[in-house]
Each structure stands twice: as C-alpha cells, then as structure tokens.
C-alpha cells in the first residue's frame, strides 16, 4: 500500500511541500496520506524522481515481490545462454557496492 506519510516524514516535508513539488493540490496529497486514493502513473514517476522507496510506493510485501521479480530475470541468464550469476562472488559484490555509491552520489548532487 502506498505510504505517503512515511515518504513525507523521511524527506522532512509537509503535505503542502510535496503537493508543490508534484504540481497537485494539497487535498490530493491528503487523500493519498489517508489511503482514500493513490497517485496516477505520471505522478508515480515524479515520486520516483523525488526519491520514494519501493516500500513506500508499493508496501513492503509488494516491494519484496518487485525485487524478486527483478532478480528472476538475472537468475534466468543461463536460460538465455549466459552464465548464472554468483551473488556471493567478490566481483559481483564489488559491482553492487560501486553501483550503490554511484546512486548515492547522484542523489546528493541534485
């Protein structure tokens, strides 16, 4: 379930500030915060740009399913003729670490 309150609190914003950033009405954000409605697709994309987490957007259960589905594509690499990924291999772990550092740098440079 969409957790607008968690996102707003994590960012240290008020409902009004989120509404301004998304170019929607404060009452719209209020409806999201009370669970009476959810944002449309175009607003979801803007929320992603603002840094919403998968758990805040989808809820914890669906966030986990989303990540599992994403990893399933990698797990099936051998089906497409590639080697299966060794998630414990030092090279893989280093690549993930570097990717996370890059993501943090990008977020901090905005």
C-alpha atoms as a PDB file:
ATOM      1  CA  UNK A   1       0.000   0.000   0.000  1.00  0.00           C
ATOM      2  CA  UNK A   2       1.212   3.495  -0.873  1.00  0.00           C
ATOM      3  CA  UNK A   3       2.709   5.078   2.282  1.00  0.00           C
ATOM      4  CA  UNK A   4       2.708   8.777   1.524  1.00  0.00           C
ATOM      5  CA  UNK A   5       3.136   9.734   5.179  1.00  0.00           C
ATOM      6  CA  UNK A   6       6.330   7.720   5.521  1.00  0.00           C
ATOM      7  CA  UNK A   7       7.794   9.354   2.403  1.00  0.00           C
ATOM      8  CA  UNK A   8       6.879  12.866   3.543  1.00  0.00           C
ATOM      9  CA  UNK A   9       8.269  12.265   7.033  1.00  0.00           C
ATOM     10  CA  UNK A  10      11.513  10.754   5.732  1.00  0.00           C
ATOM     11  CA  UNK A  11      12.025  13.763   3.496  1.00  0.00           C
ATOM     12  CA  UNK A  12      11.109  16.186   6.289  1.00  0.00           C
ATOM     13  CA  UNK A  13       8.385  17.804   4.181  1.00  0.00           C
ATOM     14  CA  UNK A  14       4.824  18.882   4.798  1.00  0.00           C
ATOM     15  CA  UNK A  15       1.938  17.722   2.601  1.00  0.00           C
ATOM     16  CA  UNK A  16       1.923  21.184   1.037  1.00  0.00           C
ATOM     17  CA  UNK A  17       5.585  20.859   0.027  1.00  0.00           C
ATOM     18  CA  UNK A  18       5.020  17.524  -1.678  1.00  0.00           C
ATOM     19  CA  UNK A  19       1.952  18.908  -3.431  1.00  0.00           C
ATOM     20  CA  UNK A  20       4.007  21.830  -4.771  1.00  0.00           C
ATOM     21  CA  UNK A  21       6.809  19.543  -5.963  1.00  0.00           C
ATOM     22  CA  UNK A  22       4.289  17.350  -7.797  1.00  0.00           C
ATOM     23  CA  UNK A  23       2.112  20.215  -9.013  1.00  0.00           C
ATOM     24  CA  UNK A  24      -1.002  18.739  -7.412  1.00  0.00           C
ATOM     25  CA  UNK A  25      -3.403  20.054  -4.815  1.00  0.00           C
ATOM     26  CA  UNK A  26      -2.769  19.695  -1.106  1.00  0.00           C
ATOM     27  CA  UNK A  27      -6.122  17.937  -0.785  1.00  0.00           C
ATOM     28  CA  UNK A  28      -4.904  15.347  -3.305  1.00  0.00           C
ATOM     29  CA  UNK A  29      -1.839  14.618  -1.181  1.00  0.00           C
ATOM     30  CA  UNK A  30      -4.111  14.475   1.864  1.00  0.00           C
ATOM     31  CA  UNK A  31      -6.213  11.805   0.155  1.00  0.00           C
ATOM     32  CA  UNK A  32      -3.053   9.777  -0.511  1.00  0.00           C
ATOM     33  CA  UNK A  33      -1.957  10.155   3.115  1.00  0.00           C
ATOM     34  CA  UNK A  34      -5.276   8.828   4.399  1.00  0.00           C
ATOM     35  CA  UNK A  35      -5.366   5.979   1.872  1.00  0.00           C
ATOM     36  CA  UNK A  36      -8.504   7.276   0.168  1.00  0.00           C
ATOM     37  CA  UNK A  37      -6.759   7.419  -3.206  1.00  0.00           C
ATOM     38  CA  UNK A  38      -3.432   6.685  -4.865  1.00  0.00           C
ATOM     39  CA  UNK A  39      -1.387   8.716  -7.314  1.00  0.00           C
ATOM     40  CA  UNK A  40      -1.701   8.140 -11.058  1.00  0.00           C
ATOM     41  CA  UNK A  41       1.137   6.734 -13.132  1.00  0.00           C
ATOM     42  CA  UNK A  42       2.589  10.096 -14.210  1.00  0.00           C
ATOM     43  CA  UNK A  43       2.781  11.215 -10.581  1.00  0.00           C
ATOM     44  CA  UNK A  44       4.354   7.905  -9.554  1.00  0.00           C
ATOM     45  CA  UNK A  45       7.169   8.617 -11.995  1.00  0.00           C
ATOM     46  CA  UNK A  46       7.668  12.033 -10.377  1.00  0.00           C
ATOM     47  CA  UNK A  47       7.671  10.421  -6.933  1.00  0.00           C
ATOM     48  CA  UNK A  48      10.410   8.074  -8.092  1.00  0.00           C
ATOM     49  CA  UNK A  49      12.410  11.080  -9.283  1.00  0.00           C
ATOM     50  CA  UNK A  50      11.925  12.649  -5.841  1.00  0.00           C
ATOM     51  CA  UNK A  51      13.366   9.547  -4.184  1.00  0.00           C
ATOM     52  CA  UNK A  52      10.422   7.481  -2.956  1.00  0.00           C
ATOM     53  CA  UNK A  53      11.448   3.989  -1.908  1.00  0.00           C
ATOM     54  CA  UNK A  54       9.834   0.857  -3.337  1.00  0.00           C
ATOM     55  CA  UNK A  55       8.457   0.010   0.121  1.00  0.00           C
ATOM     56  CA  UNK A  56       6.874   3.471   0.455  1.00  0.00           C
ATOM     57  CA  UNK A  57       5.395   3.238  -3.020  1.00  0.00           C
ATOM     58  CA  UNK A  58       4.232  -0.373  -3.045  1.00  0.00           C
ATOM     59  CA  UNK A  59       4.210  -1.508   0.574  1.00  0.00           C
ATOM     60  CA  UNK A  60       6.715  -3.970   1.998  1.00  0.00           C
ATOM     61  CA  UNK A  61       5.162  -7.160   0.565  1.00  0.00           C
ATOM     62  CA  UNK A  62       4.905  -5.898  -2.989  1.00  0.00           C
ATOM     63  CA  UNK A  63       8.288  -4.205  -2.731  1.00  0.00           C
ATOM     64  CA  UNK A  64       9.857  -7.594  -1.940  1.00  0.00           C
ATOM     65  CA  UNK A  65       7.948  -9.232  -4.804  1.00  0.00           C
ATOM     66  CA  UNK A  66       9.101  -6.457  -7.141  1.00  0.00           C
ATOM     67  CA  UNK A  67      12.752  -7.074  -6.252  1.00  0.00           C
ATOM     68  CA  UNK A  68      12.330 -10.830  -6.523  1.00  0.00           C
ATOM     69  CA  UNK A  69      10.778 -10.449  -9.963  1.00  0.00           C
ATOM     70  CA  UNK A  70      13.656  -8.207 -10.997  1.00  0.00           C
ATOM     71  CA  UNK A  71      16.220 -10.734  -9.803  1.00  0.00           C
ATOM     72  CA  UNK A  72      14.399 -13.586 -11.541  1.00  0.00           C
ATOM     73  CA  UNK A  73      15.399 -12.010 -14.843  1.00  0.00           C
ATOM     74  CA  UNK A  74      19.039 -12.206 -13.803  1.00  0.00           C
ATOM     75  CA  UNK A  75      18.661 -15.724 -12.443  1.00  0.00           C
ATOM     76  CA  UNK A  76      17.426 -16.861 -15.835  1.00  0.00           C
ATOM     77  CA  UNK A  77      20.554 -15.594 -17.595  1.00  0.00           C
ATOM     78  CA  UNK A  78      21.732 -19.171 -18.062  1.00  0.00           C
ATOM     79  CA  UNK A  79      18.485 -19.913 -19.916  1.00  0.00           C
ATOM     80  CA  UNK A  80      19.500 -17.266 -22.449  1.00  0.00           C
ATOM     81  CA  UNK A  81      22.935 -18.833 -22.948  1.00  0.00           C
ATOM     82  CA  UNK A  82      24.772 -16.798 -20.284  1.00  0.00           C
ATOM     83  CA  UNK A  83      26.419 -17.970 -17.106  1.00  0.00           C
ATOM     84  CA  UNK A  84      24.351 -17.901 -13.916  1.00  0.00           C
ATOM     85  CA  UNK A  85      25.233 -15.092 -11.524  1.00  0.00           C
ATOM     86  CA  UNK A  86      27.155 -15.978  -8.374  1.00  0.00           C
ATOM     87  CA  UNK A  87      25.696 -13.467  -5.911  1.00  0.00           C
ATOM     88  CA  UNK A  88      28.452 -14.204  -3.395  1.00  0.00           C
ATOM     89  CA  UNK A  89      31.334 -13.678  -5.824  1.00  0.00           C
ATOM     90  CA  UNK A  90      33.627 -10.816  -4.785  1.00  0.00           C
ATOM     91  CA  UNK A  91      33.405  -9.216  -8.246  1.00  0.00           C
ATOM     92  CA  UNK A  92      29.608  -9.184  -8.093  1.00  0.00           C
ATOM     93  CA  UNK A  93      29.562  -7.763  -4.565  1.00  0.00           C
ATOM     94  CA  UNK A  94      32.058  -5.063  -5.564  1.00  0.00           C
ATOM     95  CA  UNK A  95      29.933  -4.122  -8.583  1.00  0.00           C
ATOM     96  CA  UNK A  96      26.846  -3.804  -6.367  1.00  0.00           C
ATOM     97  CA  UNK A  97      28.783  -1.681  -3.868  1.00  0.00           C
ATOM     98  CA  UNK A  98      30.006   0.623  -6.642  1.00  0.00           C
ATOM     99  CA  UNK A  99      26.501   0.913  -8.071  1.00  0.00           C
ATOM    100  CA  UNK A 100      25.101   1.888  -4.672  1.00  0.00           C
ATOM    101  CA  UNK A 101      27.832   4.502  -4.193  1.00  0.00           C
ATOM    102  CA  UNK A 102      27.072   5.914  -7.630  1.00  0.00           C
ATOM    103  CA  UNK A 103      23.356   6.108  -6.819  1.00  0.00           C
ATOM    104  CA  UNK A 104      24.118   7.965  -3.571  1.00  0.00           C
ATOM    105  CA  UNK A 105      26.399  10.392  -5.429  1.00  0.00           C
ATOM    106  CA  UNK A 106      23.659  11.083  -7.958  1.00  0.00           C
ATOM    107  CA  UNK A 107      21.090  11.689  -5.217  1.00  0.00           C
ATOM    108  CA  UNK A 108      23.437  14.034  -3.357  1.00  0.00           C
ATOM    109  CA  UNK A 109      24.328  16.044  -6.462  1.00  0.00           C
ATOM    110  CA  UNK A 110      20.719  17.166  -7.056  1.00  0.00           C
END
